PDB file of all heavy atoms in Angstrom:
ATOM      1  N   THR A   1      18.665  -9.631  10.103  1.00  0.00           N
ATOM      2  CA  THR A   1      19.012  -8.203  10.061  1.00  0.00           C
ATOM      3  C   THR A   1      20.284  -7.955   9.259  1.00  0.00           C
ATOM      4  O   THR A   1      20.507  -6.842   8.780  1.00  0.00           O
ATOM      5  CB  THR A   1      19.175  -7.662  11.484  1.00  0.00           C
ATOM      6  OG1 THR A   1      20.211  -8.414  12.168  1.00  0.00           O
ATOM      7  CG2 THR A   1      17.870  -7.786  12.251  1.00  0.00           C
ATOM      8  N   LYS A   2      21.134  -8.977   9.117  1.00  0.00           N
ATOM      9  CA  LYS A   2      22.360  -8.836   8.341  1.00  0.00           C
ATOM     10  C   LYS A   2      22.221  -9.390   6.926  1.00  0.00           C
ATOM     11  O   LYS A   2      23.205  -9.435   6.185  1.00  0.00           O
ATOM     12  CB  LYS A   2      23.505  -9.562   9.064  1.00  0.00           C
ATOM     13  CG  LYS A   2      23.798  -9.001  10.453  1.00  0.00           C
ATOM     14  CD  LYS A   2      24.912  -9.771  11.126  1.00  0.00           C
ATOM     15  CE  LYS A   2      25.197  -9.232  12.522  1.00  0.00           C
ATOM     16  NZ  LYS A   2      26.274  -9.989  13.207  1.00  0.00           N
ATOM     17  N   ASP A   3      21.026  -9.814   6.593  1.00  0.00           N
ATOM     18  CA  ASP A   3      20.794 -10.376   5.259  1.00  0.00           C
ATOM     19  C   ASP A   3      20.617  -9.253   4.246  1.00  0.00           C
ATOM     20  O   ASP A   3      20.060  -8.192   4.559  1.00  0.00           O
ATOM     21  CB  ASP A   3      19.547 -11.269   5.279  1.00  0.00           C
ATOM     22  CG  ASP A   3      19.487 -12.191   4.070  1.00  0.00           C
ATOM     23  OD1 ASP A   3      19.363 -11.683   2.951  1.00  0.00           O
ATOM     24  OD2 ASP A   3      19.566 -13.416   4.258  1.00  0.00           O
ATOM     25  N   GLU A   4      21.058  -9.502   3.013  1.00  0.00           N
ATOM     26  CA  GLU A   4      20.907  -8.498   1.954  1.00  0.00           C
ATOM     27  C   GLU A   4      19.447  -8.318   1.546  1.00  0.00           C
ATOM     28  O   GLU A   4      19.087  -7.295   0.966  1.00  0.00           O
ATOM     29  CB  GLU A   4      21.731  -8.903   0.735  1.00  0.00           C
ATOM     30  CG  GLU A   4      21.381 -10.263   0.162  1.00  0.00           C
ATOM     31  CD  GLU A   4      22.242 -10.644  -1.013  1.00  0.00           C
ATOM     32  OE1 GLU A   4      23.176  -9.900  -1.339  1.00  0.00           O
ATOM     33  OE2 GLU A   4      21.973 -11.719  -1.609  1.00  0.00           O
ATOM     34  N   LEU A   5      18.599  -9.295   1.866  1.00  0.00           N
ATOM     35  CA  LEU A   5      17.168  -9.192   1.585  1.00  0.00           C
ATOM     36  C   LEU A   5      16.373  -8.826   2.834  1.00  0.00           C
ATOM     37  O   LEU A   5      15.185  -9.168   2.950  1.00  0.00           O
ATOM     38  CB  LEU A   5      16.647 -10.517   1.019  1.00  0.00           C
ATOM     39  CG  LEU A   5      17.249 -10.981  -0.304  1.00  0.00           C
ATOM     40  CD1 LEU A   5      16.725 -12.354  -0.675  1.00  0.00           C
ATOM     41  CD2 LEU A   5      16.953  -9.978  -1.419  1.00  0.00           C
ATOM     42  N   PHE A   6      17.007  -8.105   3.745  1.00  0.00           N
ATOM     43  CA  PHE A   6      16.339  -7.779   5.010  1.00  0.00           C
ATOM     44  C   PHE A   6      15.093  -6.926   4.785  1.00  0.00           C
ATOM     45  O   PHE A   6      14.079  -7.101   5.462  1.00  0.00           O
ATOM     46  CB  PHE A   6      17.316  -7.053   5.940  1.00  0.00           C
ATOM     47  CG  PHE A   6      16.661  -6.529   7.185  1.00  0.00           C
ATOM     48  CD1 PHE A   6      16.202  -7.391   8.164  1.00  0.00           C
ATOM     49  CD2 PHE A   6      16.485  -5.160   7.369  1.00  0.00           C
ATOM     50  CE1 PHE A   6      15.586  -6.909   9.309  1.00  0.00           C
ATOM     51  CE2 PHE A   6      15.874  -4.670   8.509  1.00  0.00           C
ATOM     52  CZ  PHE A   6      15.432  -5.550   9.479  1.00  0.00           C
ATOM     53  N   LYS A   7      15.147  -6.012   3.829  1.00  0.00           N
ATOM     54  CA  LYS A   7      13.990  -5.151   3.574  1.00  0.00           C
ATOM     55  C   LYS A   7      12.792  -5.976   3.117  1.00  0.00           C
ATOM     56  O   LYS A   7      11.654  -5.715   3.524  1.00  0.00           O
ATOM     57  CB  LYS A   7      14.345  -4.100   2.519  1.00  0.00           C
ATOM     58  CG  LYS A   7      13.254  -3.081   2.269  1.00  0.00           C
ATOM     59  CD  LYS A   7      13.704  -2.017   1.285  1.00  0.00           C
ATOM     60  CE  LYS A   7      12.602  -0.986   1.045  1.00  0.00           C
ATOM     61  NZ  LYS A   7      13.019   0.055   0.065  1.00  0.00           N
ATOM     62  N   MET A   8      13.051  -6.965   2.277  1.00  0.00           N
ATOM     63  CA  MET A   8      11.963  -7.822   1.816  1.00  0.00           C
ATOM     64  C   MET A   8      11.476  -8.734   2.930  1.00  0.00           C
ATOM     65  O   MET A   8      10.269  -8.939   3.115  1.00  0.00           O
ATOM     66  CB  MET A   8      12.435  -8.651   0.617  1.00  0.00           C
ATOM     67  CG  MET A   8      11.367  -9.557  -0.003  1.00  0.00           C
ATOM     68  SD  MET A   8      11.171 -11.190   0.784  1.00  0.00           S
ATOM     69  CE  MET A   8      12.757 -11.927   0.404  1.00  0.00           C
ATOM     70  N   LEU A   9      12.397  -9.289   3.703  1.00  0.00           N
ATOM     71  CA  LEU A   9      12.018 -10.221   4.759  1.00  0.00           C
ATOM     72  C   LEU A   9      11.264  -9.539   5.889  1.00  0.00           C
ATOM     73  O   LEU A   9      10.467 -10.181   6.594  1.00  0.00           O
ATOM     74  CB  LEU A   9      13.264 -10.917   5.302  1.00  0.00           C
ATOM     75  CG  LEU A   9      14.008 -11.842   4.333  1.00  0.00           C
ATOM     76  CD1 LEU A   9      15.295 -12.338   4.953  1.00  0.00           C
ATOM     77  CD2 LEU A   9      13.129 -13.017   3.934  1.00  0.00           C
ATOM     78  N   SER A  10      11.486  -8.248   6.089  1.00  0.00           N
ATOM     79  CA  SER A  10      10.824  -7.526   7.177  1.00  0.00           C
ATOM     80  C   SER A  10       9.530  -6.852   6.741  1.00  0.00           C
ATOM     81  O   SER A  10       8.887  -6.185   7.551  1.00  0.00           O
ATOM     82  CB  SER A  10      11.775  -6.475   7.754  1.00  0.00           C
ATOM     83  OG  SER A  10      12.150  -5.536   6.746  1.00  0.00           O
ATOM     84  N   ALA A  11       9.157  -6.994   5.471  1.00  0.00           N
ATOM     85  CA  ALA A  11       7.926  -6.365   4.979  1.00  0.00           C
ATOM     86  C   ALA A  11       6.717  -7.083   5.555  1.00  0.00           C
ATOM     87  O   ALA A  11       6.609  -8.310   5.473  1.00  0.00           O
ATOM     88  CB  ALA A  11       7.890  -6.392   3.447  1.00  0.00           C
ATOM     89  N   ARG A  12       5.803  -6.318   6.128  1.00  0.00           N
ATOM     90  CA  ARG A  12       4.575  -6.873   6.684  1.00  0.00           C
ATOM     91  C   ARG A  12       3.423  -5.927   6.391  1.00  0.00           C
ATOM     92  O   ARG A  12       3.605  -4.719   6.256  1.00  0.00           O
ATOM     93  CB  ARG A  12       4.694  -7.080   8.199  1.00  0.00           C
ATOM     94  CG  ARG A  12       5.692  -8.126   8.593  1.00  0.00           C
ATOM     95  CD  ARG A  12       5.675  -8.370  10.074  1.00  0.00           C
ATOM     96  NE  ARG A  12       4.434  -8.939  10.546  1.00  0.00           N
ATOM     97  CZ  ARG A  12       4.186  -9.237  11.824  1.00  0.00           C
ATOM     98  NH1 ARG A  12       5.090  -8.986  12.739  1.00  0.00           N
ATOM     99  NH2 ARG A  12       3.030  -9.757  12.175  1.00  0.00           N
ATOM    100  N   LYS A  13       2.244  -6.480   6.307  1.00  0.00           N
ATOM    101  CA  LYS A  13       1.059  -5.671   6.062  1.00  0.00           C
ATOM    102  C   LYS A  13       0.529  -5.087   7.368  1.00  0.00           C
ATOM    103  O   LYS A  13       0.721  -5.658   8.446  1.00  0.00           O
ATOM    104  CB  LYS A  13      -0.043  -6.511   5.409  1.00  0.00           C
ATOM    105  CG  LYS A  13       0.278  -7.024   4.025  1.00  0.00           C
ATOM    106  CD  LYS A  13      -0.876  -7.844   3.498  1.00  0.00           C
ATOM    107  CE  LYS A  13      -0.576  -8.446   2.138  1.00  0.00           C
ATOM    108  NZ  LYS A  13      -1.678  -9.300   1.639  1.00  0.00           N
ATOM    109  N   ASP A  14      -0.152  -3.965   7.226  1.00  0.00           N
ATOM    110  CA  ASP A  14      -0.884  -3.406   8.356  1.00  0.00           C
ATOM    111  C   ASP A  14      -2.086  -4.314   8.639  1.00  0.00           C
ATOM    112  O   ASP A  14      -2.623  -4.957   7.729  1.00  0.00           O
ATOM    113  CB  ASP A  14      -1.351  -1.985   8.018  1.00  0.00           C
ATOM    114  CG  ASP A  14      -1.999  -1.305   9.206  1.00  0.00           C
ATOM    115  OD1 ASP A  14      -1.261  -0.821  10.077  1.00  0.00           O
ATOM    116  OD2 ASP A  14      -3.249  -1.266   9.259  1.00  0.00           O
ATOM    117  N   PRO A  15      -2.526  -4.430   9.896  1.00  0.00           N
ATOM    118  CA  PRO A  15      -3.680  -5.296  10.188  1.00  0.00           C
ATOM    119  C   PRO A  15      -4.935  -4.959   9.395  1.00  0.00           C
ATOM    120  O   PRO A  15      -5.813  -5.814   9.242  1.00  0.00           O
ATOM    121  CB  PRO A  15      -3.892  -5.087  11.693  1.00  0.00           C
ATOM    122  CG  PRO A  15      -2.550  -4.727  12.218  1.00  0.00           C
ATOM    123  CD  PRO A  15      -1.894  -3.938  11.134  1.00  0.00           C
ATOM    124  N   ARG A  16      -5.035  -3.717   8.881  1.00  0.00           N
ATOM    125  CA  ARG A  16      -6.192  -3.332   8.075  1.00  0.00           C
ATOM    126  C   ARG A  16      -5.907  -3.362   6.580  1.00  0.00           C
ATOM    127  O   ARG A  16      -6.771  -3.027   5.781  1.00  0.00           O
ATOM    128  CB  ARG A  16      -6.633  -1.927   8.473  1.00  0.00           C
ATOM    129  CG  ARG A  16      -7.190  -1.820   9.869  1.00  0.00           C
ATOM    130  CD  ARG A  16      -8.558  -2.464   9.952  1.00  0.00           C
ATOM    131  NE  ARG A  16      -9.267  -2.110  11.166  1.00  0.00           N
ATOM    132  CZ  ARG A  16     -10.515  -2.424  11.435  1.00  0.00           C
ATOM    133  NH1 ARG A  16     -11.197  -3.141  10.552  1.00  0.00           N
ATOM    134  NH2 ARG A  16     -11.105  -2.071  12.541  1.00  0.00           N
ATOM    135  N   GLN A  17      -4.708  -3.753   6.183  1.00  0.00           N
ATOM    136  CA  GLN A  17      -4.276  -3.685   4.786  1.00  0.00           C
ATOM    137  C   GLN A  17      -4.523  -5.027   4.100  1.00  0.00           C
ATOM    138  O   GLN A  17      -4.332  -6.091   4.684  1.00  0.00           O
ATOM    139  CB  GLN A  17      -2.794  -3.318   4.726  1.00  0.00           C
ATOM    140  CG  GLN A  17      -2.266  -2.960   3.359  1.00  0.00           C
ATOM    141  CD  GLN A  17      -0.805  -2.533   3.427  1.00  0.00           C
ATOM    142  OE1 GLN A  17      -0.213  -2.484   4.503  1.00  0.00           O
ATOM    143  NE2 GLN A  17      -0.242  -2.226   2.290  1.00  0.00           N
ATOM    144  N   ILE A  18      -4.920  -4.986   2.821  1.00  0.00           N
ATOM    145  CA  ILE A  18      -5.189  -6.192   2.044  1.00  0.00           C
ATOM    146  C   ILE A  18      -4.029  -6.530   1.123  1.00  0.00           C
ATOM    147  O   ILE A  18      -3.594  -7.682   1.048  1.00  0.00           O
ATOM    148  CB  ILE A  18      -6.494  -6.041   1.235  1.00  0.00           C
ATOM    149  CG1 ILE A  18      -7.683  -5.855   2.173  1.00  0.00           C
ATOM    150  CG2 ILE A  18      -6.722  -7.253   0.337  1.00  0.00           C
ATOM    151  CD1 ILE A  18      -9.006  -5.656   1.471  1.00  0.00           C
ATOM    152  N   PHE A  19      -3.512  -5.533   0.387  1.00  0.00           N
ATOM    153  CA  PHE A  19      -2.440  -5.747  -0.585  1.00  0.00           C
ATOM    154  C   PHE A  19      -1.138  -5.134  -0.073  1.00  0.00           C
ATOM    155  O   PHE A  19      -1.149  -4.128   0.643  1.00  0.00           O
ATOM    156  CB  PHE A  19      -2.790  -5.125  -1.946  1.00  0.00           C
ATOM    157  CG  PHE A  19      -4.033  -5.675  -2.576  1.00  0.00           C
ATOM    158  CD1 PHE A  19      -5.212  -4.968  -2.539  1.00  0.00           C
ATOM    159  CD2 PHE A  19      -4.019  -6.906  -3.202  1.00  0.00           C
ATOM    160  CE1 PHE A  19      -6.358  -5.469  -3.123  1.00  0.00           C
ATOM    161  CE2 PHE A  19      -5.157  -7.419  -3.782  1.00  0.00           C
ATOM    162  CZ  PHE A  19      -6.326  -6.700  -3.744  1.00  0.00           C
ATOM    163  N   PHE A  20      -0.020  -5.734  -0.492  1.00  0.00           N
ATOM    164  CA  PHE A  20       1.277  -5.132  -0.239  1.00  0.00           C
ATOM    165  C   PHE A  20       1.405  -3.857  -1.080  1.00  0.00           C
ATOM    166  O   PHE A  20       1.203  -3.872  -2.292  1.00  0.00           O
ATOM    167  CB  PHE A  20       2.407  -6.099  -0.608  1.00  0.00           C
ATOM    168  CG  PHE A  20       2.694  -7.133   0.434  1.00  0.00           C
ATOM    169  CD1 PHE A  20       2.350  -8.455   0.229  1.00  0.00           C
ATOM    170  CD2 PHE A  20       3.302  -6.789   1.634  1.00  0.00           C
ATOM    171  CE1 PHE A  20       2.614  -9.420   1.182  1.00  0.00           C
ATOM    172  CE2 PHE A  20       3.558  -7.744   2.599  1.00  0.00           C
ATOM    173  CZ  PHE A  20       3.216  -9.062   2.372  1.00  0.00           C
ATOM    174  N   GLY A  21       1.747  -2.750  -0.441  1.00  0.00           N
ATOM    175  CA  GLY A  21       1.982  -1.501  -1.164  1.00  0.00           C
ATOM    176  C   GLY A  21       0.746  -0.705  -1.505  1.00  0.00           C
ATOM    177  O   GLY A  21       0.866   0.373  -2.100  1.00  0.00           O
ATOM    178  N   LEU A  22      -0.445  -1.197  -1.181  1.00  0.00           N
ATOM    179  CA  LEU A  22      -1.688  -0.482  -1.468  1.00  0.00           C
ATOM    180  C   LEU A  22      -2.461  -0.316  -0.161  1.00  0.00           C
ATOM    181  O   LEU A  22      -2.796  -1.306   0.492  1.00  0.00           O
ATOM    182  CB  LEU A  22      -2.539  -1.237  -2.494  1.00  0.00           C
ATOM    183  CG  LEU A  22      -1.947  -1.397  -3.894  1.00  0.00           C
ATOM    184  CD1 LEU A  22      -2.860  -2.262  -4.752  1.00  0.00           C
ATOM    185  CD2 LEU A  22      -1.724  -0.041  -4.550  1.00  0.00           C
ATOM    186  N   ALA A  23      -2.729   0.922   0.198  1.00  0.00           N
ATOM    187  CA  ALA A  23      -3.406   1.215   1.453  1.00  0.00           C
ATOM    188  C   ALA A  23      -4.919   1.203   1.257  1.00  0.00           C
ATOM    189  O   ALA A  23      -5.415   1.394   0.140  1.00  0.00           O
ATOM    190  CB  ALA A  23      -2.949   2.576   1.988  1.00  0.00           C
ATOM    191  N   PRO A  24      -5.676   0.999   2.316  1.00  0.00           N
ATOM    192  CA  PRO A  24      -7.142   1.076   2.199  1.00  0.00           C
ATOM    193  C   PRO A  24      -7.584   2.474   1.777  1.00  0.00           C
ATOM    194  O   PRO A  24      -7.026   3.493   2.204  1.00  0.00           O
ATOM    195  CB  PRO A  24      -7.621   0.744   3.613  1.00  0.00           C
ATOM    196  CG  PRO A  24      -6.505  -0.013   4.234  1.00  0.00           C
ATOM    197  CD  PRO A  24      -5.255   0.536   3.644  1.00  0.00           C
ATOM    198  N   GLY A  25      -8.598   2.522   0.930  1.00  0.00           N
ATOM    199  CA  GLY A  25      -9.103   3.789   0.421  1.00  0.00           C
ATOM    200  C   GLY A  25      -8.569   4.176  -0.936  1.00  0.00           C
ATOM    201  O   GLY A  25      -9.135   5.056  -1.585  1.00  0.00           O
ATOM    202  N   TRP A  26      -7.498   3.552  -1.390  1.00  0.00           N
ATOM    203  CA  TRP A  26      -6.937   3.869  -2.708  1.00  0.00           C
ATOM    204  C   TRP A  26      -7.772   3.203  -3.794  1.00  0.00           C
ATOM    205  O   TRP A  26      -8.365   2.145  -3.602  1.00  0.00           O
ATOM    206  CB  TRP A  26      -5.493   3.405  -2.818  1.00  0.00           C
ATOM    207  CG  TRP A  26      -4.550   4.164  -1.938  1.00  0.00           C
ATOM    208  CD1 TRP A  26      -4.852   5.094  -1.002  1.00  0.00           C
ATOM    209  CD2 TRP A  26      -3.122   4.018  -1.890  1.00  0.00           C
ATOM    210  NE1 TRP A  26      -3.726   5.552  -0.368  1.00  0.00           N
ATOM    211  CE2 TRP A  26      -2.645   4.912  -0.896  1.00  0.00           C
ATOM    212  CE3 TRP A  26      -2.208   3.241  -2.585  1.00  0.00           C
ATOM    213  CZ2 TRP A  26      -1.293   5.031  -0.598  1.00  0.00           C
ATOM    214  CZ3 TRP A  26      -0.859   3.355  -2.293  1.00  0.00           C
ATOM    215  CH2 TRP A  26      -0.411   4.250  -1.302  1.00  0.00           C
ATOM    216  N   ILE A  27      -7.796   3.834  -4.968  1.00  0.00           N
ATOM    217  CA  ILE A  27      -8.490   3.299  -6.141  1.00  0.00           C
ATOM    218  C   ILE A  27      -7.454   3.043  -7.218  1.00  0.00           C
ATOM    219  O   ILE A  27      -6.695   3.942  -7.595  1.00  0.00           O
ATOM    220  CB  ILE A  27      -9.578   4.268  -6.656  1.00  0.00           C
ATOM    221  CG1 ILE A  27     -10.627   4.513  -5.574  1.00  0.00           C
ATOM    222  CG2 ILE A  27     -10.230   3.720  -7.915  1.00  0.00           C
ATOM    223  CD1 ILE A  27     -11.686   5.514  -5.974  1.00  0.00           C
ATOM    224  N   VAL A  28      -7.408   1.819  -7.727  1.00  0.00           N
ATOM    225  CA  VAL A  28      -6.457   1.437  -8.767  1.00  0.00           C
ATOM    226  C   VAL A  28      -7.167   1.510 -10.118  1.00  0.00           C
ATOM    227  O   VAL A  28      -8.151   0.798 -10.350  1.00  0.00           O
ATOM    228  CB  VAL A  28      -5.903   0.023  -8.522  1.00  0.00           C
ATOM    229  CG1 VAL A  28      -4.943  -0.377  -9.627  1.00  0.00           C
ATOM    230  CG2 VAL A  28      -5.206  -0.044  -7.160  1.00  0.00           C
ATOM    231  N   ASN A  29      -6.682   2.376 -10.992  1.00  0.00           N
ATOM    232  CA  ASN A  29      -7.229   2.530 -12.337  1.00  0.00           C
ATOM    233  C   ASN A  29      -6.330   1.778 -13.306  1.00  0.00           C
ATOM    234  O   ASN A  29      -5.246   2.231 -13.653  1.00  0.00           O
ATOM    235  CB  ASN A  29      -7.297   4.023 -12.704  1.00  0.00           C
ATOM    236  CG  ASN A  29      -8.058   4.260 -13.992  1.00  0.00           C
ATOM    237  OD1 ASN A  29      -8.261   3.340 -14.787  1.00  0.00           O
ATOM    238  ND2 ASN A  29      -8.489   5.498 -14.209  1.00  0.00           N
ATOM    239  N   LEU A  30      -6.776   0.603 -13.729  1.00  0.00           N
ATOM    240  CA  LEU A  30      -5.958  -0.222 -14.615  1.00  0.00           C
ATOM    241  C   LEU A  30      -5.898   0.351 -16.026  1.00  0.00           C
ATOM    242  O   LEU A  30      -4.891   0.169 -16.718  1.00  0.00           O
ATOM    243  CB  LEU A  30      -6.515  -1.648 -14.662  1.00  0.00           C
ATOM    244  CG  LEU A  30      -6.448  -2.449 -13.359  1.00  0.00           C
ATOM    245  CD1 LEU A  30      -7.041  -3.830 -13.566  1.00  0.00           C
ATOM    246  CD2 LEU A  30      -5.019  -2.558 -12.861  1.00  0.00           C
ATOM    247  N   ALA A  31      -6.962   1.026 -16.478  1.00  0.00           N
ATOM    248  CA  ALA A  31      -6.977   1.560 -17.843  1.00  0.00           C
ATOM    249  C   ALA A  31      -5.927   2.660 -18.015  1.00  0.00           C
ATOM    250  O   ALA A  31      -5.174   2.672 -18.995  1.00  0.00           O
ATOM    251  CB  ALA A  31      -8.358   2.086 -18.183  1.00  0.00           C
ATOM    252  N   ASP A  32      -5.865   3.575 -17.060  1.00  0.00           N
ATOM    253  CA  ASP A  32      -4.905   4.677 -17.132  1.00  0.00           C
ATOM    254  C   ASP A  32      -3.614   4.396 -16.380  1.00  0.00           C
ATOM    255  O   ASP A  32      -2.713   5.244 -16.382  1.00  0.00           O
ATOM    256  CB  ASP A  32      -5.531   5.963 -16.575  1.00  0.00           C
ATOM    257  CG  ASP A  32      -6.753   6.395 -17.379  1.00  0.00           C
ATOM    258  OD1 ASP A  32      -6.826   6.005 -18.568  1.00  0.00           O
ATOM    259  OD2 ASP A  32      -7.614   7.086 -16.820  1.00  0.00           O
ATOM    260  N   LYS A  33      -3.563   3.235 -15.708  1.00  0.00           N
ATOM    261  CA  LYS A  33      -2.382   2.858 -14.919  1.00  0.00           C
ATOM    262  C   LYS A  33      -2.051   3.927 -13.886  1.00  0.00           C
ATOM    263  O   LYS A  33      -0.926   4.426 -13.794  1.00  0.00           O
ATOM    264  CB  LYS A  33      -1.178   2.595 -15.825  1.00  0.00           C
ATOM    265  CG  LYS A  33      -1.390   1.436 -16.793  1.00  0.00           C
ATOM    266  CD  LYS A  33      -0.168   1.172 -17.644  1.00  0.00           C
ATOM    267  CE  LYS A  33      -0.392   0.004 -18.593  1.00  0.00           C
ATOM    268  NZ  LYS A  33       0.792  -0.265 -19.430  1.00  0.00           N
ATOM    269  N   LYS A  34      -3.075   4.279 -13.110  1.00  0.00           N
ATOM    270  CA  LYS A  34      -2.913   5.302 -12.083  1.00  0.00           C
ATOM    271  C   LYS A  34      -3.512   4.801 -10.777  1.00  0.00           C
ATOM    272  O   LYS A  34      -4.371   3.906 -10.767  1.00  0.00           O
ATOM    273  CB  LYS A  34      -3.602   6.602 -12.499  1.00  0.00           C
ATOM    274  CG  LYS A  34      -2.964   7.311 -13.681  1.00  0.00           C
ATOM    275  CD  LYS A  34      -3.679   8.609 -13.982  1.00  0.00           C
ATOM    276  CE  LYS A  34      -3.040   9.334 -15.160  1.00  0.00           C
ATOM    277  NZ  LYS A  34      -3.741  10.606 -15.469  1.00  0.00           N
ATOM    278  N   ILE A  35      -3.051   5.396  -9.683  1.00  0.00           N
ATOM    279  CA  ILE A  35      -3.573   5.111  -8.357  1.00  0.00           C
ATOM    280  C   ILE A  35      -4.133   6.405  -7.795  1.00  0.00           C
ATOM    281  O   ILE A  35      -3.415   7.411  -7.690  1.00  0.00           O
ATOM    282  CB  ILE A  35      -2.492   4.532  -7.433  1.00  0.00           C
ATOM    283  CG1 ILE A  35      -2.016   3.175  -7.959  1.00  0.00           C
ATOM    284  CG2 ILE A  35      -3.035   4.381  -6.012  1.00  0.00           C
ATOM    285  CD1 ILE A  35      -0.917   2.551  -7.132  1.00  0.00           C
ATOM    286  N   LEU A  36      -5.407   6.397  -7.458  1.00  0.00           N
ATOM    287  CA  LEU A  36      -6.081   7.577  -6.919  1.00  0.00           C
ATOM    288  C   LEU A  36      -6.162   7.439  -5.405  1.00  0.00           C
ATOM    289  O   LEU A  36      -6.639   6.420  -4.891  1.00  0.00           O
ATOM    290  CB  LEU A  36      -7.478   7.715  -7.522  1.00  0.00           C
ATOM    291  CG  LEU A  36      -7.547   7.691  -9.062  1.00  0.00           C
ATOM    292  CD1 LEU A  36      -8.984   7.773  -9.527  1.00  0.00           C
ATOM    293  CD2 LEU A  36      -6.712   8.817  -9.657  1.00  0.00           C
ATOM    294  N   LYS A  37      -5.707   8.480  -4.698  1.00  0.00           N
ATOM    295  CA  LYS A  37      -5.685   8.465  -3.244  1.00  0.00           C
ATOM    296  C   LYS A  37      -6.687   9.479  -2.701  1.00  0.00           C
ATOM    297  O   LYS A  37      -6.865  10.548  -3.287  1.00  0.00           O
ATOM    298  CB  LYS A  37      -4.282   8.795  -2.720  1.00  0.00           C
ATOM    299  CG  LYS A  37      -3.201   7.854  -3.244  1.00  0.00           C
ATOM    300  CD  LYS A  37      -1.840   8.242  -2.718  1.00  0.00           C
ATOM    301  CE  LYS A  37      -0.750   7.331  -3.282  1.00  0.00           C
ATOM    302  NZ  LYS A  37       0.592   7.704  -2.777  1.00  0.00           N
ATOM    303  N   PRO A  38      -7.362   9.159  -1.611  1.00  0.00           N
ATOM    304  CA  PRO A  38      -8.343  10.116  -1.053  1.00  0.00           C
ATOM    305  C   PRO A  38      -7.647  11.324  -0.445  1.00  0.00           C
ATOM    306  O   PRO A  38      -6.545  11.222   0.114  1.00  0.00           O
ATOM    307  CB  PRO A  38      -9.071   9.283   0.001  1.00  0.00           C
ATOM    308  CG  PRO A  38      -8.099   8.217   0.388  1.00  0.00           C
ATOM    309  CD  PRO A  38      -7.306   7.908  -0.855  1.00  0.00           C
ATOM    310  N   THR A  39      -8.305  12.467  -0.560  1.00  0.00           N
ATOM    311  CA  THR A  39      -7.773  13.719   0.006  1.00  0.00           C
ATOM    312  C   THR A  39      -8.698  14.312   1.054  1.00  0.00           C
ATOM    313  O   THR A  39      -8.275  15.199   1.807  1.00  0.00           O
ATOM    314  CB  THR A  39      -7.553  14.748  -1.113  1.00  0.00           C
ATOM    315  OG1 THR A  39      -8.787  14.957  -1.823  1.00  0.00           O
ATOM    316  CG2 THR A  39      -6.486  14.261  -2.096  1.00  0.00           C
ATOM    317  N   ASP A  40      -9.934  13.858   1.117  1.00  0.00           N
ATOM    318  CA  ASP A  40     -10.873  14.382   2.105  1.00  0.00           C
ATOM    319  C   ASP A  40     -10.451  13.950   3.507  1.00  0.00           C
ATOM    320  O   ASP A  40     -10.052  12.806   3.720  1.00  0.00           O
ATOM    321  CB  ASP A  40     -12.283  13.884   1.792  1.00  0.00           C
ATOM    322  CG  ASP A  40     -13.319  14.549   2.667  1.00  0.00           C
ATOM    323  OD1 ASP A  40     -13.660  15.712   2.395  1.00  0.00           O
ATOM    324  OD2 ASP A  40     -13.782  13.896   3.633  1.00  0.00           O
ATOM    325  N   GLU A  41     -10.535  14.852   4.453  1.00  0.00           N
ATOM    326  CA  GLU A  41     -10.067  14.568   5.814  1.00  0.00           C
ATOM    327  C   GLU A  41     -10.900  13.470   6.480  1.00  0.00           C
ATOM    328  O   GLU A  41     -10.368  12.634   7.217  1.00  0.00           O
ATOM    329  CB  GLU A  41     -10.096  15.843   6.655  1.00  0.00           C
ATOM    330  CG  GLU A  41      -9.088  16.902   6.180  1.00  0.00           C
ATOM    331  CD  GLU A  41      -9.104  18.124   7.092  1.00  0.00           C
ATOM    332  OE1 GLU A  41      -9.914  18.111   8.051  1.00  0.00           O
ATOM    333  OE2 GLU A  41      -8.321  19.041   6.839  1.00  0.00           O
ATOM    334  N   SER A  42     -12.207  13.476   6.222  1.00  0.00           N
ATOM    335  CA  SER A  42     -13.059  12.457   6.846  1.00  0.00           C
ATOM    336  C   SER A  42     -12.722  11.070   6.302  1.00  0.00           C
ATOM    337  O   SER A  42     -12.698  10.090   7.064  1.00  0.00           O
ATOM    338  CB  SER A  42     -14.532  12.786   6.582  1.00  0.00           C
ATOM    339  OG  SER A  42     -14.799  12.818   5.180  1.00  0.00           O
ATOM    340  N   LEU A  43     -12.434  10.975   5.000  1.00  0.00           N
ATOM    341  CA  LEU A  43     -12.042   9.681   4.433  1.00  0.00           C
ATOM    342  C   LEU A  43     -10.688   9.227   4.957  1.00  0.00           C
ATOM    343  O   LEU A  43     -10.495   8.049   5.264  1.00  0.00           O
ATOM    344  CB  LEU A  43     -12.017   9.772   2.906  1.00  0.00           C
ATOM    345  CG  LEU A  43     -13.370   9.932   2.202  1.00  0.00           C
ATOM    346  CD1 LEU A  43     -13.158  10.092   0.695  1.00  0.00           C
ATOM    347  CD2 LEU A  43     -14.260   8.748   2.475  1.00  0.00           C
ATOM    348  N   LEU A  44      -9.759  10.168   5.062  1.00  0.00           N
ATOM    349  CA  LEU A  44      -8.448   9.819   5.590  1.00  0.00           C
ATOM    350  C   LEU A  44      -8.549   9.329   7.028  1.00  0.00           C
ATOM    351  O   LEU A  44      -7.875   8.373   7.430  1.00  0.00           O
ATOM    352  CB  LEU A  44      -7.508  11.010   5.503  1.00  0.00           C
ATOM    353  CG  LEU A  44      -7.112  11.458   4.084  1.00  0.00           C
ATOM    354  CD1 LEU A  44      -6.306  12.754   4.135  1.00  0.00           C
ATOM    355  CD2 LEU A  44      -6.303  10.373   3.384  1.00  0.00           C
TER     356      LEU A  44
END
C-alpha cells in the first residue's frame, strides 16, 4: 500500500473479464483504432 506501484500491483480482473482494461461486450476495431461499447439496456 506504500509502494509507488501500488496502483499496478492492486490491479485485478473481474471474474467475468478476459483482458485488462477491456470489459465484456466491447468491440475492438483495430482498423480504425476504436473501441465500440454497447448502449442497449438488455446488452448492458
